[in-house]
Amino acid sequence: MEMTVKRKKAPSRNIIGSRVKAARLKFDPPLTQDQLSGRLASAGVQLDRVALAKVEGGLRCAFDYEVKGLAAVLKVDANWLLGVDESTLRGRTKLARANKRRP
């Protein structure tokens, strides 16, 4: 009798993957991963189709400069790619300014 071992799905290694895919598919016509890779290369970011597929699938982390390049090419805010809530971001900015004013 053979026993099958259930493997757990590896946890996602990034938080931008699903948003990169969503932004890529919102283009009219939707961008392929290969087309996005070409546009990134034109912007100076070397991220091939396989690497993009891994980012979108949560198997590869994206470096900060890659997030910046992806945001520029996809015409979205980098904070949106990172899932940063704008209201939280504004609150932190106000808090940082208030702390600078204190003696």
N, C-alpha and C. Protein backbone atom coordinates (compact mmCIF):
# COMPACT_ATOMS: atom_id res chain seq x y z
N MET A 1 0.84 -1.18 0.00
CA MET A 1 0.00 0.00 0.00
C MET A 1 0.88 1.25 0.00
N GLU A 2 0.64 2.12 -0.96
CA GLU A 2 1.41 3.35 -1.05
C GLU A 2 0.71 4.47 -0.30
N MET A 3 1.52 5.25 0.39
CA MET A 3 0.97 6.42 1.08
C MET A 3 1.31 7.65 0.27
N THR A 4 0.34 8.48 0.10
CA THR A 4 0.61 9.74 -0.58
C THR A 4 0.83 10.81 0.47
N VAL A 5 1.80 11.62 0.21
CA VAL A 5 2.13 12.69 1.13
C VAL A 5 1.59 13.99 0.55
N LYS A 6 0.76 14.66 1.30
CA LYS A 6 0.24 15.95 0.86
C LYS A 6 1.26 17.02 1.19
N ARG A 7 1.61 17.77 0.18
CA ARG A 7 2.55 18.86 0.40
C ARG A 7 1.79 20.16 0.49
N LYS A 8 2.18 20.95 1.44
CA LYS A 8 1.57 22.26 1.57
C LYS A 8 2.13 23.17 0.48
N LYS A 9 1.27 24.04 0.00
CA LYS A 9 1.72 25.02 -0.98
C LYS A 9 2.71 25.96 -0.29
N ALA A 10 3.81 26.21 -0.96
CA ALA A 10 4.82 27.11 -0.39
C ALA A 10 4.20 28.49 -0.20
N PRO A 11 4.48 29.13 0.93
CA PRO A 11 3.94 30.47 1.16
C PRO A 11 4.50 31.46 0.15
N SER A 12 3.70 32.44 -0.18
CA SER A 12 4.11 33.45 -1.14
C SER A 12 5.34 34.19 -0.63
N ARG A 13 6.26 34.45 -1.52
CA ARG A 13 7.49 35.13 -1.15
C ARG A 13 7.44 36.62 -1.45
N ASN A 14 6.28 37.09 -1.90
CA ASN A 14 6.16 38.52 -2.17
C ASN A 14 4.71 38.95 -2.02
N ILE A 15 4.51 40.25 -2.02
CA ILE A 15 3.16 40.77 -1.87
C ILE A 15 2.69 41.52 -3.11
N ILE A 16 3.54 41.60 -4.12
CA ILE A 16 3.17 42.39 -5.30
C ILE A 16 2.68 41.55 -6.47
N GLY A 17 2.90 40.25 -6.43
CA GLY A 17 2.64 39.39 -7.58
C GLY A 17 1.26 39.52 -8.18
N SER A 18 0.23 39.41 -7.36
CA SER A 18 -1.14 39.47 -7.89
C SER A 18 -1.46 40.85 -8.45
N ARG A 19 -0.88 41.88 -7.87
CA ARG A 19 -1.14 43.25 -8.35
C ARG A 19 -0.38 43.53 -9.64
N VAL A 20 0.80 42.97 -9.79
CA VAL A 20 1.54 43.12 -11.05
C VAL A 20 0.72 42.50 -12.17
N LYS A 21 0.21 41.30 -11.92
CA LYS A 21 -0.59 40.61 -12.95
C LYS A 21 -1.85 41.41 -13.27
N ALA A 22 -2.53 41.91 -12.23
CA ALA A 22 -3.76 42.68 -12.44
C ALA A 22 -3.47 43.93 -13.27
N ALA A 23 -2.39 44.65 -12.94
CA ALA A 23 -2.05 45.87 -13.68
C ALA A 23 -1.65 45.55 -15.12
N ARG A 24 -0.93 44.45 -15.30
CA ARG A 24 -0.51 44.03 -16.65
C ARG A 24 -1.72 43.72 -17.52
N LEU A 25 -2.72 43.08 -16.93
CA LEU A 25 -3.90 42.68 -17.69
C LEU A 25 -4.89 43.82 -17.93
N LYS A 26 -4.71 44.95 -17.23
CA LYS A 26 -5.61 46.10 -17.44
C LYS A 26 -5.26 46.91 -18.67
N PHE A 27 -4.09 46.67 -19.25
CA PHE A 27 -3.74 47.37 -20.49
C PHE A 27 -4.68 46.90 -21.59
N ASP A 28 -4.88 47.77 -22.58
CA ASP A 28 -5.76 47.43 -23.69
C ASP A 28 -4.97 47.49 -24.98
N PRO A 29 -4.59 46.39 -25.60
CA PRO A 29 -4.83 45.02 -25.15
C PRO A 29 -3.89 44.66 -23.98
N PRO A 30 -4.25 43.63 -23.23
CA PRO A 30 -3.43 43.24 -22.07
C PRO A 30 -1.99 42.93 -22.48
N LEU A 31 -1.05 43.30 -21.62
CA LEU A 31 0.36 43.02 -21.88
C LEU A 31 0.65 41.56 -21.55
N THR A 32 1.47 40.93 -22.36
CA THR A 32 1.97 39.61 -22.01
C THR A 32 3.16 39.80 -21.07
N GLN A 33 3.56 38.74 -20.42
CA GLN A 33 4.74 38.83 -19.57
C GLN A 33 5.96 39.19 -20.40
N ASP A 34 6.04 38.66 -21.60
CA ASP A 34 7.16 38.95 -22.49
C ASP A 34 7.19 40.43 -22.88
N GLN A 35 6.03 40.99 -23.18
CA GLN A 35 5.95 42.42 -23.52
C GLN A 35 6.34 43.29 -22.33
N LEU A 36 5.87 42.92 -21.15
CA LEU A 36 6.23 43.67 -19.94
C LEU A 36 7.73 43.58 -19.71
N SER A 37 8.30 42.42 -19.92
CA SER A 37 9.75 42.24 -19.77
C SER A 37 10.51 43.17 -20.71
N GLY A 38 10.03 43.28 -21.96
CA GLY A 38 10.66 44.17 -22.93
C GLY A 38 10.58 45.63 -22.52
N ARG A 39 9.42 46.03 -22.02
CA ARG A 39 9.27 47.42 -21.57
C ARG A 39 10.15 47.70 -20.35
N LEU A 40 10.27 46.73 -19.47
CA LEU A 40 11.15 46.90 -18.32
C LEU A 40 12.61 47.03 -18.78
N ALA A 41 13.00 46.23 -19.76
CA ALA A 41 14.37 46.29 -20.28
C ALA A 41 14.64 47.68 -20.87
N SER A 42 13.64 48.24 -21.56
CA SER A 42 13.79 49.59 -22.12
C SER A 42 13.95 50.63 -21.02
N ALA A 43 13.39 50.33 -19.84
CA ALA A 43 13.50 51.24 -18.70
C ALA A 43 14.74 50.95 -17.85
N GLY A 44 15.54 49.95 -18.28
CA GLY A 44 16.78 49.65 -17.56
C GLY A 44 16.64 48.61 -16.47
N VAL A 45 15.52 47.89 -16.43
CA VAL A 45 15.31 46.85 -15.41
C VAL A 45 15.31 45.50 -16.11
N GLN A 46 16.29 44.66 -15.79
CA GLN A 46 16.40 43.35 -16.42
C GLN A 46 15.59 42.32 -15.63
N LEU A 47 14.41 42.02 -16.12
CA LEU A 47 13.51 41.05 -15.48
C LEU A 47 12.87 40.27 -16.62
N ASP A 48 13.33 39.04 -16.86
CA ASP A 48 12.82 38.27 -18.00
C ASP A 48 11.44 37.68 -17.72
N ARG A 49 10.86 37.05 -18.73
CA ARG A 49 9.51 36.51 -18.62
C ARG A 49 9.40 35.47 -17.52
N VAL A 50 10.40 34.61 -17.38
CA VAL A 50 10.37 33.58 -16.35
C VAL A 50 10.39 34.22 -14.96
N ALA A 51 11.22 35.23 -14.77
CA ALA A 51 11.28 35.92 -13.48
C ALA A 51 9.95 36.61 -13.19
N LEU A 52 9.34 37.22 -14.20
CA LEU A 52 8.03 37.86 -14.01
C LEU A 52 6.97 36.83 -13.61
N ALA A 53 7.01 35.67 -14.25
CA ALA A 53 6.06 34.61 -13.92
C ALA A 53 6.23 34.17 -12.46
N LYS A 54 7.48 34.11 -12.01
CA LYS A 54 7.75 33.72 -10.63
C LYS A 54 7.30 34.81 -9.65
N VAL A 55 7.49 36.06 -10.01
CA VAL A 55 7.02 37.17 -9.16
C VAL A 55 5.50 37.10 -9.07
N GLU A 56 4.83 36.98 -10.21
CA GLU A 56 3.37 36.93 -10.22
C GLU A 56 2.84 35.72 -9.47
N GLY A 57 3.57 34.62 -9.51
CA GLY A 57 3.15 33.40 -8.83
C GLY A 57 3.55 33.34 -7.37
N GLY A 58 4.29 34.34 -6.90
CA GLY A 58 4.69 34.39 -5.51
C GLY A 58 5.91 33.55 -5.18
N LEU A 59 6.63 33.10 -6.18
CA LEU A 59 7.80 32.26 -5.96
C LEU A 59 9.11 33.04 -5.90
N ARG A 60 9.07 34.29 -6.30
CA ARG A 60 10.27 35.12 -6.32
C ARG A 60 9.96 36.47 -5.74
N CYS A 61 10.89 36.96 -4.94
CA CYS A 61 10.76 38.31 -4.39
C CYS A 61 11.20 39.31 -5.45
N ALA A 62 10.70 40.51 -5.33
CA ALA A 62 11.12 41.59 -6.23
C ALA A 62 11.97 42.57 -5.44
N PHE A 63 13.07 42.98 -6.04
CA PHE A 63 13.93 43.96 -5.41
C PHE A 63 13.28 45.34 -5.50
N ASP A 64 13.74 46.25 -4.64
CA ASP A 64 13.14 47.57 -4.60
C ASP A 64 13.20 48.29 -5.95
N TYR A 65 14.32 48.19 -6.65
CA TYR A 65 14.42 48.87 -7.95
C TYR A 65 13.51 48.21 -8.98
N GLU A 66 13.22 46.91 -8.81
CA GLU A 66 12.30 46.24 -9.71
C GLU A 66 10.87 46.71 -9.46
N VAL A 67 10.52 46.89 -8.19
CA VAL A 67 9.18 47.40 -7.85
C VAL A 67 9.01 48.79 -8.44
N LYS A 68 10.03 49.62 -8.31
CA LYS A 68 9.98 50.98 -8.86
C LYS A 68 9.81 50.94 -10.38
N GLY A 69 10.56 50.07 -11.05
CA GLY A 69 10.46 49.94 -12.50
C GLY A 69 9.12 49.38 -12.93
N LEU A 70 8.63 48.37 -12.22
CA LEU A 70 7.32 47.80 -12.53
C LEU A 70 6.22 48.85 -12.40
N ALA A 71 6.28 49.64 -11.33
CA ALA A 71 5.27 50.68 -11.12
C ALA A 71 5.30 51.69 -12.26
N ALA A 72 6.49 52.10 -12.67
CA ALA A 72 6.60 53.09 -13.76
C ALA A 72 6.07 52.53 -15.07
N VAL A 73 6.47 51.32 -15.42
CA VAL A 73 6.06 50.73 -16.69
C VAL A 73 4.57 50.40 -16.70
N LEU A 74 4.06 49.93 -15.56
CA LEU A 74 2.65 49.57 -15.47
C LEU A 74 1.74 50.78 -15.20
N LYS A 75 2.37 51.94 -14.98
CA LYS A 75 1.64 53.19 -14.73
C LYS A 75 0.73 53.09 -13.51
N VAL A 76 1.30 52.54 -12.43
CA VAL A 76 0.61 52.46 -11.15
C VAL A 76 1.55 52.99 -10.07
N ASP A 77 1.01 53.26 -8.92
CA ASP A 77 1.82 53.73 -7.80
C ASP A 77 2.52 52.54 -7.15
N ALA A 78 3.79 52.71 -6.79
CA ALA A 78 4.55 51.63 -6.14
C ALA A 78 3.89 51.23 -4.82
N ASN A 79 3.30 52.20 -4.12
CA ASN A 79 2.61 51.87 -2.87
C ASN A 79 1.42 50.95 -3.13
N TRP A 80 0.74 51.14 -4.25
CA TRP A 80 -0.37 50.25 -4.60
C TRP A 80 0.15 48.83 -4.83
N LEU A 81 1.28 48.71 -5.56
CA LEU A 81 1.86 47.39 -5.78
C LEU A 81 2.19 46.72 -4.45
N LEU A 82 2.66 47.50 -3.51
CA LEU A 82 3.05 46.97 -2.21
C LEU A 82 1.88 46.78 -1.25
N GLY A 83 0.70 47.20 -1.67
CA GLY A 83 -0.47 47.03 -0.82
C GLY A 83 -0.52 48.00 0.34
N VAL A 84 0.19 49.12 0.20
CA VAL A 84 0.21 50.13 1.26
C VAL A 84 -1.07 50.94 1.19
N ASP A 85 -1.78 51.02 2.30
CA ASP A 85 -3.01 51.78 2.40
C ASP A 85 -2.65 53.27 2.47
N GLU A 86 -3.20 54.04 1.55
CA GLU A 86 -2.88 55.47 1.49
C GLU A 86 -3.22 56.21 2.77
N SER A 87 -4.33 55.86 3.42
CA SER A 87 -4.70 56.56 4.66
C SER A 87 -3.69 56.26 5.76
N THR A 88 -3.18 55.04 5.81
CA THR A 88 -2.15 54.69 6.78
C THR A 88 -0.87 55.45 6.48
N LEU A 89 -0.54 55.54 5.20
CA LEU A 89 0.67 56.25 4.79
C LEU A 89 0.59 57.72 5.17
N ARG A 90 -0.57 58.35 4.94
CA ARG A 90 -0.74 59.76 5.31
C ARG A 90 -0.63 59.94 6.81
N GLY A 91 -1.19 59.02 7.57
CA GLY A 91 -1.12 59.10 9.03
C GLY A 91 0.31 59.01 9.53
N ARG A 92 1.10 58.16 8.93
CA ARG A 92 2.51 58.01 9.33
C ARG A 92 3.30 59.26 8.99
N THR A 93 2.98 59.88 7.85
CA THR A 93 3.68 61.11 7.45
C THR A 93 3.38 62.22 8.44
N LYS A 94 2.11 62.35 8.84
CA LYS A 94 1.75 63.37 9.82
C LYS A 94 2.44 63.12 11.15
N LEU A 95 2.51 61.85 11.56
CA LEU A 95 3.17 61.49 12.81
C LEU A 95 4.66 61.82 12.74
N ALA A 96 5.30 61.54 11.62
CA ALA A 96 6.72 61.83 11.45
C ALA A 96 6.98 63.33 11.53
N ARG A 97 6.10 64.12 10.91
CA ARG A 97 6.25 65.58 10.96
C ARG A 97 6.08 66.09 12.38
N ALA A 98 5.10 65.54 13.09
CA ALA A 98 4.86 65.97 14.47
C ALA A 98 6.04 65.64 15.35
N ASN A 99 6.67 64.50 15.14
CA ASN A 99 7.83 64.10 15.94
C ASN A 99 9.04 64.97 15.63
N LYS A 100 9.17 65.48 14.41
CA LYS A 100 10.30 66.37 14.06
C LYS A 100 10.17 67.70 14.78
N ARG A 101 8.95 68.14 15.04
CA ARG A 101 8.72 69.45 15.67
C ARG A 101 9.03 69.44 17.16
N ARG A 102 9.00 68.27 17.75
CA ARG A 102 9.24 68.18 19.20
C ARG A 102 10.69 68.49 19.53
N PRO A 103 10.91 69.24 20.62
CA PRO A 103 12.30 69.57 20.98
C PRO A 103 13.02 68.40 21.57
